[in-house]
C-alpha cells in the first residue's frame, strides 16, 4: 500500500532527534575567526585563492573571500570545484550523480589554495578535491578550511582551519544549511532514537 509506505517514512523522520549546534550568528563568528586564521597563517593575501567544493563549500568560500577582502582591502579570487568524477565511490554507490560546474577563473600555478568545504568526515571528499585541483594546475600549497570537523577519518587528512569540532557517531548526520540570506543558516545534528 503506497500510502502506508509514506506514513512509515514520515514516522522514521519524526523518530530522529535534531539538535541545532550552530545558528546563523555562530556560523558568522566562526567564519570571521577562520578568515583571520587564514590571513595569519598565509601572512596576508599574496598568491592566496579560495576554492569551494560543490555544493556545501561554495557559499562558504564566497563568504570567506568577502571577509578576507574586507579585512585586507583587496579582492581574493574565489572559485568552485565539482569533484563528482573524482569520487572513489562513483561506480559503486548505485546512485546517479549529477555533475556540477567547476569554475576556476584563475591560474592555480604557484598559488596558495585554500579548499573550503562544509563538513569534514572521512576525508574522501577532500582526497577527490585534491585530485581534481591537480588537473587545473600546480599550486604551491593546498590548505583546508571546513566549517565542521566531525571526526571519523578514513584517510590521513586534517583541516588547517576549523569553524567547529563536532564529535559525532557514524549513525548521526550533520546537516549544514547555508543560504544567500545568512539569517536562515544553521548546523544541526540528527540521530535516530
N, C-alpha and C. Protein backbone atom coordinates (compact mmCIF):
# COMPACT_ATOMS: atom_id res chain seq x y z
N UNK A 1 0.84 -1.17 0.00
CA UNK A 1 0.00 0.00 0.00
C UNK A 1 0.90 1.25 0.00
N UNK A 2 0.82 2.08 -1.08
CA UNK A 2 1.71 3.22 -1.19
C UNK A 2 1.56 4.23 -0.06
N UNK A 3 0.36 4.51 0.39
CA UNK A 3 0.14 5.47 1.47
C UNK A 3 0.80 5.03 2.76
N UNK A 4 0.79 3.73 3.03
CA UNK A 4 1.41 3.19 4.24
C UNK A 4 2.91 3.37 4.23
N UNK A 5 3.51 3.23 3.05
CA UNK A 5 4.95 3.41 2.91
C UNK A 5 5.34 4.86 3.23
N UNK A 6 4.58 5.82 2.72
CA UNK A 6 4.86 7.23 3.00
C UNK A 6 4.70 7.53 4.48
N UNK A 7 3.70 6.93 5.10
CA UNK A 7 3.46 7.16 6.53
C UNK A 7 4.63 6.63 7.35
N UNK A 8 5.17 5.46 6.97
CA UNK A 8 6.31 4.89 7.70
C UNK A 8 7.56 5.77 7.52
N UNK A 9 7.75 6.31 6.30
CA UNK A 9 8.90 7.20 6.07
C UNK A 9 8.78 8.45 6.92
N UNK A 10 7.60 9.04 6.96
CA UNK A 10 7.38 10.24 7.79
C UNK A 10 7.58 9.90 9.26
N UNK A 11 7.13 8.71 9.66
CA UNK A 11 7.28 8.27 11.04
C UNK A 11 8.76 8.14 11.40
N UNK A 12 9.57 7.58 10.47
CA UNK A 12 11.00 7.44 10.71
C UNK A 12 11.67 8.80 10.84
N UNK A 13 11.25 9.76 10.00
CA UNK A 13 11.80 11.11 10.09
C UNK A 13 11.48 11.72 11.44
N UNK A 14 10.27 11.50 11.92
CA UNK A 14 9.86 12.04 13.21
C UNK A 14 10.60 11.38 14.36
N UNK A 15 11.09 10.16 14.15
CA UNK A 15 11.79 9.43 15.19
C UNK A 15 13.20 9.98 15.40
N UNK A 16 13.67 10.82 14.48
CA UNK A 16 15.00 11.38 14.61
C UNK A 16 14.98 12.58 15.53
N UNK A 17 16.01 12.67 16.31
CA UNK A 17 16.16 13.78 17.23
C UNK A 17 17.13 14.77 16.58
N UNK A 18 16.71 16.02 16.40
CA UNK A 18 17.52 17.03 15.76
C UNK A 18 17.91 18.10 16.78
N UNK A 19 19.20 18.43 16.78
CA UNK A 19 19.70 19.43 17.71
C UNK A 19 20.48 20.48 16.92
N UNK A 20 20.16 21.75 17.12
CA UNK A 20 20.90 22.84 16.48
C UNK A 20 22.20 23.04 17.26
N UNK A 21 23.32 22.94 16.55
CA UNK A 21 24.62 23.11 17.20
C UNK A 21 25.28 24.44 16.84
N UNK A 22 24.82 25.06 15.76
CA UNK A 22 25.29 26.41 15.39
C UNK A 22 24.14 27.14 14.72
N UNK A 23 23.91 28.38 15.15
CA UNK A 23 22.91 29.20 14.49
C UNK A 23 23.64 30.14 13.53
N UNK A 24 22.89 31.04 12.89
CA UNK A 24 23.47 31.95 11.90
C UNK A 24 24.58 32.81 12.50
N UNK A 25 24.37 33.31 13.71
CA UNK A 25 25.40 34.15 14.36
C UNK A 25 26.65 33.34 14.67
N UNK A 26 26.47 32.12 15.13
CA UNK A 26 27.62 31.25 15.42
C UNK A 26 28.42 30.94 14.17
N UNK A 27 27.73 30.71 13.08
CA UNK A 27 28.42 30.44 11.81
C UNK A 27 29.21 31.67 11.37
N UNK A 28 28.61 32.84 11.47
CA UNK A 28 29.32 34.08 11.08
C UNK A 28 30.56 34.31 11.94
N UNK A 29 30.43 34.08 13.25
CA UNK A 29 31.59 34.25 14.14
C UNK A 29 32.70 33.27 13.76
N UNK A 30 32.32 32.03 13.47
CA UNK A 30 33.31 31.02 13.09
C UNK A 30 34.01 31.40 11.79
N UNK A 31 33.24 31.88 10.81
CA UNK A 31 33.84 32.26 9.53
C UNK A 31 34.78 33.46 9.69
N UNK A 32 34.42 34.39 10.55
CA UNK A 32 35.30 35.53 10.80
C UNK A 32 36.61 35.06 11.43
N UNK A 33 36.51 34.16 12.40
CA UNK A 33 37.72 33.62 13.05
C UNK A 33 38.58 32.88 12.03
N UNK A 34 37.95 32.06 11.19
CA UNK A 34 38.69 31.30 10.17
C UNK A 34 39.36 32.26 9.18
N UNK A 35 38.68 33.33 8.79
CA UNK A 35 39.26 34.31 7.86
C UNK A 35 40.55 34.89 8.45
N UNK A 36 40.51 35.28 9.72
CA UNK A 36 41.72 35.82 10.36
C UNK A 36 42.81 34.76 10.47
N UNK A 37 42.45 33.52 10.73
CA UNK A 37 43.45 32.45 10.82
C UNK A 37 44.12 32.21 9.46
N UNK A 38 43.32 32.26 8.40
CA UNK A 38 43.88 32.08 7.05
C UNK A 38 44.88 33.20 6.76
N UNK A 39 44.51 34.42 7.09
CA UNK A 39 45.41 35.55 6.85
C UNK A 39 46.69 35.43 7.68
N UNK A 40 46.54 35.03 8.93
CA UNK A 40 47.71 34.91 9.79
C UNK A 40 48.66 33.83 9.29
N UNK A 41 48.11 32.66 8.97
CA UNK A 41 48.96 31.55 8.53
C UNK A 41 49.65 31.86 7.20
N UNK A 42 48.96 32.60 6.31
CA UNK A 42 49.50 32.88 4.98
C UNK A 42 50.18 34.25 4.89
N UNK A 43 50.26 34.95 6.03
CA UNK A 43 50.91 36.26 6.08
C UNK A 43 50.33 37.22 5.04
N UNK A 44 48.99 37.27 5.01
CA UNK A 44 48.31 38.16 4.07
C UNK A 44 47.67 37.41 2.92
N UNK A 45 47.41 38.13 1.82
CA UNK A 45 46.66 37.55 0.70
C UNK A 45 47.49 37.33 -0.56
N UNK A 46 48.79 37.60 -0.50
CA UNK A 46 49.60 37.42 -1.70
C UNK A 46 49.56 35.97 -2.18
N UNK A 47 49.18 35.79 -3.43
CA UNK A 47 49.06 34.48 -4.08
C UNK A 47 48.02 33.57 -3.42
N UNK A 48 47.09 34.14 -2.67
CA UNK A 48 46.06 33.37 -1.99
C UNK A 48 44.80 33.29 -2.84
N UNK A 49 44.26 32.08 -2.99
CA UNK A 49 42.98 31.88 -3.67
C UNK A 49 42.14 30.91 -2.84
N UNK A 50 40.83 31.04 -2.94
CA UNK A 50 39.91 30.14 -2.25
C UNK A 50 39.16 29.34 -3.30
N UNK A 51 38.95 28.04 -3.02
CA UNK A 51 38.19 27.18 -3.93
C UNK A 51 37.18 26.40 -3.09
N UNK A 52 35.90 26.66 -3.34
CA UNK A 52 34.83 25.96 -2.63
C UNK A 52 34.47 24.67 -3.34
N UNK A 53 34.29 23.61 -2.56
CA UNK A 53 33.90 22.32 -3.12
C UNK A 53 32.38 22.31 -3.26
N UNK A 54 31.90 21.99 -4.48
CA UNK A 54 30.46 21.91 -4.72
C UNK A 54 29.86 20.87 -3.80
N UNK A 55 28.82 21.03 -3.22
CA UNK A 55 27.91 22.14 -3.13
C UNK A 55 28.17 22.92 -1.86
N UNK A 56 28.39 22.23 -0.77
CA UNK A 56 28.44 22.90 0.52
C UNK A 56 29.54 23.91 0.72
N UNK A 57 30.65 23.78 0.03
CA UNK A 57 31.76 24.68 0.26
C UNK A 57 31.75 25.96 -0.55
N UNK A 58 30.91 26.03 -1.58
CA UNK A 58 30.94 27.18 -2.47
C UNK A 58 30.50 28.47 -1.78
N UNK A 59 29.33 28.47 -1.16
CA UNK A 59 28.87 29.68 -0.46
C UNK A 59 29.80 30.04 0.69
N UNK A 60 30.34 29.03 1.37
CA UNK A 60 31.28 29.31 2.46
C UNK A 60 32.55 29.97 1.92
N UNK A 61 33.05 29.50 0.79
CA UNK A 61 34.24 30.10 0.18
C UNK A 61 33.96 31.54 -0.23
N UNK A 62 32.77 31.78 -0.78
CA UNK A 62 32.42 33.15 -1.17
C UNK A 62 32.37 34.07 0.05
N UNK A 63 31.80 33.59 1.13
CA UNK A 63 31.73 34.41 2.36
C UNK A 63 33.11 34.66 2.94
N UNK A 64 33.94 33.61 2.97
CA UNK A 64 35.31 33.80 3.46
C UNK A 64 36.07 34.78 2.58
N UNK A 65 35.87 34.69 1.27
CA UNK A 65 36.53 35.61 0.35
C UNK A 65 36.13 37.05 0.62
N UNK A 66 34.84 37.28 0.88
CA UNK A 66 34.38 38.64 1.19
C UNK A 66 34.97 39.14 2.51
N UNK A 67 34.99 38.27 3.51
CA UNK A 67 35.54 38.67 4.81
C UNK A 67 37.02 39.02 4.69
N UNK A 68 37.78 38.17 4.01
CA UNK A 68 39.21 38.41 3.84
C UNK A 68 39.44 39.69 3.05
N UNK A 69 38.65 39.89 2.00
CA UNK A 69 38.78 41.10 1.19
C UNK A 69 38.47 42.35 2.00
N UNK A 70 37.46 42.29 2.87
CA UNK A 70 37.13 43.43 3.72
C UNK A 70 38.25 43.72 4.71
N UNK A 71 38.85 42.68 5.26
CA UNK A 71 39.93 42.87 6.23
C UNK A 71 41.17 43.47 5.56
N UNK A 72 41.53 42.93 4.39
CA UNK A 72 42.77 43.32 3.73
C UNK A 72 42.61 44.47 2.73
N UNK A 73 41.38 44.73 2.30
CA UNK A 73 41.15 45.81 1.36
C UNK A 73 41.48 45.48 -0.08
N UNK A 74 41.69 44.21 -0.38
CA UNK A 74 41.94 43.78 -1.76
C UNK A 74 41.11 42.52 -2.04
N UNK A 75 40.66 42.35 -3.28
CA UNK A 75 39.86 41.16 -3.59
C UNK A 75 40.68 39.88 -3.55
N UNK A 76 40.03 38.81 -3.12
CA UNK A 76 40.65 37.48 -3.10
C UNK A 76 39.88 36.61 -4.10
N UNK A 77 40.59 36.02 -5.07
CA UNK A 77 39.90 35.18 -6.05
C UNK A 77 39.22 33.97 -5.39
N UNK A 78 38.00 33.68 -5.84
CA UNK A 78 37.24 32.55 -5.32
C UNK A 78 36.74 31.73 -6.50
N UNK A 79 36.97 30.42 -6.45
CA UNK A 79 36.49 29.52 -7.49
C UNK A 79 35.63 28.44 -6.89
N UNK A 80 35.03 27.63 -7.77
CA UNK A 80 34.24 26.49 -7.31
C UNK A 80 34.66 25.25 -8.06
N UNK A 81 34.63 24.13 -7.35
CA UNK A 81 35.16 22.87 -7.86
C UNK A 81 34.14 21.76 -7.69
N UNK A 82 33.83 21.09 -8.80
CA UNK A 82 32.98 19.91 -8.73
C UNK A 82 33.87 18.67 -8.75
N UNK A 83 33.64 17.75 -7.82
CA UNK A 83 34.51 16.57 -7.69
C UNK A 83 33.81 15.28 -8.08
N UNK A 84 32.64 15.36 -8.66
CA UNK A 84 31.83 14.17 -8.94
C UNK A 84 32.63 13.08 -9.64
N UNK A 85 33.34 13.42 -10.69
CA UNK A 85 34.06 12.41 -11.47
C UNK A 85 35.33 11.91 -10.79
N UNK A 86 35.71 12.52 -9.68
CA UNK A 86 36.92 12.13 -8.96
C UNK A 86 36.62 11.28 -7.72
N UNK A 87 35.34 11.09 -7.43
CA UNK A 87 34.96 10.34 -6.23
C UNK A 87 35.33 8.86 -6.39
N UNK A 88 35.74 8.24 -5.29
CA UNK A 88 36.11 6.83 -5.36
C UNK A 88 34.90 5.90 -5.27
N UNK A 89 33.72 6.47 -5.04
CA UNK A 89 32.51 5.63 -4.97
C UNK A 89 31.58 5.85 -6.16
N UNK A 90 32.08 6.50 -7.20
CA UNK A 90 31.20 6.84 -8.33
C UNK A 90 30.64 5.59 -9.01
N UNK A 91 31.41 4.52 -9.06
CA UNK A 91 30.93 3.30 -9.72
C UNK A 91 30.25 2.34 -8.75
N UNK A 92 30.41 2.54 -7.46
CA UNK A 92 29.89 1.56 -6.50
C UNK A 92 28.68 2.04 -5.71
N UNK A 93 28.36 3.33 -5.80
CA UNK A 93 27.30 3.84 -4.94
C UNK A 93 25.91 3.43 -5.42
N UNK A 94 25.76 3.12 -6.71
CA UNK A 94 24.46 2.74 -7.22
C UNK A 94 23.53 3.92 -7.46
N UNK A 95 23.99 5.12 -7.13
CA UNK A 95 23.18 6.32 -7.35
C UNK A 95 23.71 7.07 -8.56
N UNK A 96 22.79 7.63 -9.32
CA UNK A 96 23.20 8.51 -10.41
C UNK A 96 23.60 9.84 -9.79
N UNK A 97 24.76 10.31 -10.15
CA UNK A 97 25.26 11.57 -9.60
C UNK A 97 25.17 12.65 -10.66
N UNK A 98 24.70 13.81 -10.26
CA UNK A 98 24.62 14.94 -11.16
C UNK A 98 25.93 15.69 -11.14
N UNK A 99 26.48 15.92 -12.31
CA UNK A 99 27.75 16.62 -12.40
C UNK A 99 27.49 18.12 -12.30
N UNK A 100 28.20 18.76 -11.39
CA UNK A 100 28.06 20.20 -11.18
C UNK A 100 29.05 20.97 -12.02
N UNK A 101 29.16 22.23 -11.74
CA UNK A 101 30.02 23.11 -12.52
C UNK A 101 31.30 23.44 -11.76
N UNK A 102 32.41 23.33 -12.46
CA UNK A 102 33.68 23.81 -11.94
C UNK A 102 33.95 25.15 -12.60
N UNK A 103 34.29 26.13 -11.80
CA UNK A 103 34.59 27.47 -12.31
C UNK A 103 35.78 28.01 -11.53
N UNK A 104 36.96 27.85 -12.12
CA UNK A 104 38.18 28.38 -11.51
C UNK A 104 38.77 29.36 -12.53
N UNK A 105 38.34 30.63 -12.46
CA UNK A 105 38.73 31.61 -13.49
C UNK A 105 40.10 32.25 -13.26
N UNK A 106 41.02 31.48 -12.71
CA UNK A 106 42.36 31.98 -12.44
C UNK A 106 43.31 30.80 -12.45
N UNK A 107 44.58 31.07 -12.63
CA UNK A 107 45.59 30.01 -12.61
C UNK A 107 45.85 29.55 -11.18
N UNK A 108 46.05 28.27 -11.01
CA UNK A 108 46.42 27.73 -9.70
C UNK A 108 47.93 27.59 -9.54
N UNK A 109 48.66 27.74 -10.63
CA UNK A 109 50.11 27.55 -10.59
C UNK A 109 50.77 28.51 -9.60
N UNK A 110 51.50 27.94 -8.65
CA UNK A 110 52.23 28.72 -7.67
C UNK A 110 51.37 29.40 -6.61
N UNK A 111 50.09 29.11 -6.59
CA UNK A 111 49.17 29.76 -5.64
C UNK A 111 49.08 28.98 -4.34
N UNK A 112 48.68 29.72 -3.30
CA UNK A 112 48.31 29.11 -2.02
C UNK A 112 46.80 28.91 -2.10
N UNK A 113 46.38 27.67 -2.25
CA UNK A 113 44.96 27.35 -2.44
C UNK A 113 44.37 26.92 -1.10
N UNK A 114 43.29 27.58 -0.71
CA UNK A 114 42.53 27.14 0.45
C UNK A 114 41.27 26.47 -0.07
N UNK A 115 41.21 25.16 0.06
CA UNK A 115 40.00 24.40 -0.27
C UNK A 115 38.99 24.63 0.85
N UNK A 116 37.73 24.85 0.51
CA UNK A 116 36.72 25.13 1.51
C UNK A 116 35.57 24.14 1.36
N UNK A 117 35.16 23.53 2.48
CA UNK A 117 34.01 22.62 2.47
C UNK A 117 33.22 22.82 3.75
N UNK A 118 32.00 22.29 3.74
CA UNK A 118 31.14 22.49 4.92
C UNK A 118 31.47 21.50 6.03
N UNK A 119 31.58 20.20 5.71
CA UNK A 119 31.81 19.18 6.74
C UNK A 119 32.97 18.28 6.33
N UNK A 120 33.89 18.07 7.24
CA UNK A 120 34.96 17.10 7.05
C UNK A 120 34.60 15.86 7.84
N UNK A 121 34.52 14.72 7.14
CA UNK A 121 34.09 13.47 7.77
C UNK A 121 35.18 12.42 7.52
N UNK A 122 35.06 11.62 6.50
CA UNK A 122 36.02 10.54 6.26
C UNK A 122 37.31 11.01 5.60
N UNK A 123 37.24 12.13 4.89
CA UNK A 123 38.40 12.64 4.17
C UNK A 123 38.38 12.30 2.69
N UNK A 124 37.45 11.47 2.27
CA UNK A 124 37.40 11.04 0.87
C UNK A 124 37.04 12.18 -0.08
N UNK A 125 36.16 13.06 0.33
CA UNK A 125 35.80 14.21 -0.50
C UNK A 125 37.02 15.10 -0.73
N UNK A 126 37.81 15.31 0.31
CA UNK A 126 38.99 16.16 0.19
C UNK A 126 40.04 15.51 -0.70
N UNK A 127 40.21 14.20 -0.58
CA UNK A 127 41.15 13.49 -1.47
C UNK A 127 40.73 13.69 -2.92
N UNK A 128 39.44 13.55 -3.20
CA UNK A 128 38.93 13.73 -4.55
C UNK A 128 39.15 15.18 -5.02
N UNK A 129 38.94 16.13 -4.12
CA UNK A 129 39.12 17.54 -4.46
C UNK A 129 40.58 17.84 -4.81
N UNK A 130 41.50 17.26 -4.07
CA UNK A 130 42.92 17.49 -4.36
C UNK A 130 43.29 16.89 -5.72
N UNK A 131 42.76 15.71 -6.02
CA UNK A 131 43.00 15.11 -7.33
C UNK A 131 42.46 16.02 -8.44
N UNK A 132 41.25 16.54 -8.24
CA UNK A 132 40.64 17.43 -9.23
C UNK A 132 41.46 18.71 -9.40
N UNK A 133 41.90 19.29 -8.30
CA UNK A 133 42.69 20.53 -8.38
C UNK A 133 43.94 20.37 -9.23
N UNK A 134 44.58 19.22 -9.13
CA UNK A 134 45.82 18.99 -9.87
C UNK A 134 45.61 19.00 -11.37
N UNK A 135 44.37 18.77 -11.82
CA UNK A 135 44.08 18.86 -13.25
C UNK A 135 43.99 20.31 -13.72
N UNK A 136 43.98 21.26 -12.79
CA UNK A 136 43.86 22.68 -13.13
C UNK A 136 45.16 23.45 -12.92
N UNK A 137 46.19 22.78 -12.46
CA UNK A 137 47.46 23.47 -12.27
C UNK A 137 48.26 22.86 -11.14
N UNK A 138 49.34 23.54 -10.81
CA UNK A 138 50.23 23.05 -9.75
C UNK A 138 50.35 24.12 -8.67
N UNK A 139 49.46 24.02 -7.66
CA UNK A 139 49.52 25.00 -6.56
C UNK A 139 50.82 24.88 -5.78
N UNK A 140 51.22 26.00 -5.18
CA UNK A 140 52.39 25.97 -4.28
C UNK A 140 52.08 25.14 -3.06
N UNK A 141 50.86 25.33 -2.52
CA UNK A 141 50.41 24.53 -1.39
C UNK A 141 48.88 24.51 -1.37
N UNK A 142 48.34 23.53 -0.70
CA UNK A 142 46.89 23.40 -0.53
C UNK A 142 46.62 23.32 0.96
N UNK A 143 45.70 24.17 1.42
CA UNK A 143 45.24 24.13 2.80
C UNK A 143 43.75 23.82 2.79
N UNK A 144 43.23 23.40 3.93
CA UNK A 144 41.82 23.03 4.02
C UNK A 144 41.12 23.82 5.12
N UNK A 145 40.01 24.45 4.75
CA UNK A 145 39.16 25.15 5.72
C UNK A 145 37.78 24.49 5.69
N UNK A 146 37.28 24.10 6.87
CA UNK A 146 35.95 23.50 6.97
C UNK A 146 35.17 24.18 8.08
N UNK A 147 33.86 24.23 7.90
CA UNK A 147 33.01 24.78 8.94
C UNK A 147 32.91 23.79 10.10
N UNK A 148 32.72 22.50 9.78
CA UNK A 148 32.55 21.45 10.79
C UNK A 148 33.52 20.31 10.55
N UNK A 149 34.23 19.91 11.60
CA UNK A 149 35.04 18.69 11.56
C UNK A 149 34.38 17.70 12.51
N UNK A 150 33.82 16.64 11.96
CA UNK A 150 33.07 15.70 12.78
C UNK A 150 33.85 14.42 13.10
N UNK A 151 35.11 14.35 12.68
CA UNK A 151 35.91 13.17 13.01
C UNK A 151 35.66 12.01 12.06
N UNK A 152 36.08 10.81 12.47
CA UNK A 152 35.87 9.55 11.73
C UNK A 152 36.65 9.48 10.42
N UNK A 153 37.89 9.96 10.41
CA UNK A 153 38.70 9.94 9.21
C UNK A 153 39.02 8.53 8.76
N UNK A 154 38.96 8.30 7.46
CA UNK A 154 39.38 7.05 6.84
C UNK A 154 40.68 7.23 6.07
N UNK A 155 41.06 8.49 5.87
CA UNK A 155 42.29 8.82 5.17
C UNK A 155 43.08 9.82 6.03
N UNK A 156 44.39 9.89 5.87
CA UNK A 156 45.20 10.79 6.70
C UNK A 156 45.09 12.24 6.24
N UNK A 157 43.92 12.83 6.47
CA UNK A 157 43.64 14.20 6.06
C UNK A 157 43.16 14.97 7.29
N UNK A 158 43.63 16.19 7.44
CA UNK A 158 43.17 17.04 8.54
C UNK A 158 42.97 18.45 8.01
N UNK A 159 42.11 19.19 8.68
CA UNK A 159 41.84 20.57 8.29
C UNK A 159 42.85 21.51 8.92
N UNK A 160 43.24 22.53 8.18
CA UNK A 160 44.12 23.58 8.70
C UNK A 160 43.32 24.61 9.49
N UNK A 161 42.06 24.82 9.07
CA UNK A 161 41.19 25.82 9.69
C UNK A 161 39.82 25.20 9.92
N UNK A 162 39.33 25.24 11.16
CA UNK A 162 38.07 24.59 11.52
C UNK A 162 37.17 25.58 12.24
N UNK A 163 35.93 25.68 11.78
CA UNK A 163 34.96 26.52 12.46
C UNK A 163 34.51 25.91 13.78
N UNK A 164 34.23 24.61 13.77
CA UNK A 164 33.79 23.92 14.99
C UNK A 164 34.11 22.44 14.87
N UNK A 165 34.71 21.88 15.92
CA UNK A 165 34.89 20.44 16.04
C UNK A 165 33.61 19.88 16.64
N UNK A 166 33.04 18.90 16.01
CA UNK A 166 31.76 18.35 16.43
C UNK A 166 31.85 16.82 16.46
N UNK A 167 32.30 16.27 17.59
CA UNK A 167 32.36 14.81 17.68
C UNK A 167 30.98 14.22 17.42
N UNK A 168 30.94 13.15 16.66
CA UNK A 168 29.67 12.54 16.30
C UNK A 168 29.86 11.04 16.13
N UNK A 169 28.75 10.33 16.09
CA UNK A 169 28.80 8.89 15.82
C UNK A 169 28.50 8.66 14.35
N UNK A 170 28.81 7.47 13.88
CA UNK A 170 28.52 7.14 12.48
C UNK A 170 27.03 7.17 12.19
N UNK A 171 26.21 6.92 13.17
CA UNK A 171 24.76 6.89 12.94
C UNK A 171 24.15 8.29 12.89
N UNK A 172 24.89 9.29 13.29
CA UNK A 172 24.38 10.66 13.27
C UNK A 172 24.65 11.30 11.91
N UNK A 173 23.84 12.29 11.61
CA UNK A 173 24.01 13.04 10.38
C UNK A 173 24.16 14.52 10.73
N UNK A 174 25.18 15.15 10.18
CA UNK A 174 25.40 16.57 10.38
C UNK A 174 24.87 17.29 9.15
N UNK A 175 23.95 18.22 9.36
CA UNK A 175 23.33 18.96 8.26
C UNK A 175 23.72 20.43 8.36
N UNK A 176 24.34 20.94 7.30
CA UNK A 176 24.72 22.35 7.25
C UNK A 176 23.81 23.04 6.25
N UNK A 177 23.15 24.08 6.71
CA UNK A 177 22.26 24.85 5.85
C UNK A 177 22.85 26.25 5.71
N UNK A 178 23.35 26.54 4.53
CA UNK A 178 23.93 27.85 4.22
C UNK A 178 23.17 28.40 3.02
N UNK A 179 22.73 29.63 3.13
CA UNK A 179 21.99 30.23 2.02
C UNK A 179 22.51 31.64 1.77
N UNK A 180 22.06 32.24 0.71
CA UNK A 180 22.45 33.62 0.39
C UNK A 180 21.98 34.56 1.50
N UNK A 181 20.79 34.27 2.06
CA UNK A 181 20.30 35.05 3.20
C UNK A 181 20.86 34.41 4.46
N UNK A 182 21.80 35.05 5.08
CA UNK A 182 22.54 34.47 6.21
C UNK A 182 21.67 34.17 7.43
N UNK A 183 20.51 34.81 7.54
CA UNK A 183 19.69 34.66 8.74
C UNK A 183 19.14 33.26 8.93
N UNK A 184 19.03 32.49 7.85
CA UNK A 184 18.46 31.14 7.97
C UNK A 184 19.53 30.06 8.07
N UNK A 185 20.79 30.43 8.21
CA UNK A 185 21.87 29.45 8.29
C UNK A 185 21.81 28.67 9.60
N UNK A 186 22.21 27.40 9.52
CA UNK A 186 22.28 26.59 10.74
C UNK A 186 23.10 25.34 10.50
N UNK A 187 23.56 24.78 11.59
CA UNK A 187 24.19 23.44 11.58
C UNK A 187 23.42 22.63 12.60
N UNK A 188 22.90 21.49 12.15
CA UNK A 188 22.16 20.61 13.05
C UNK A 188 22.77 19.22 13.01
N UNK A 189 22.53 18.48 14.07
CA UNK A 189 22.96 17.08 14.12
C UNK A 189 21.70 16.26 14.40
N UNK A 190 21.55 15.19 13.63
CA UNK A 190 20.38 14.32 13.76
C UNK A 190 20.83 12.94 14.18
N UNK A 191 20.05 12.35 15.07
CA UNK A 191 20.32 10.96 15.43
C UNK A 191 19.01 10.22 15.58
N UNK A 192 19.03 8.95 15.21
CA UNK A 192 17.84 8.13 15.36
C UNK A 192 17.72 7.72 16.82
N UNK A 193 16.48 7.62 17.30
CA UNK A 193 16.25 7.18 18.67
C UNK A 193 16.62 5.74 18.83
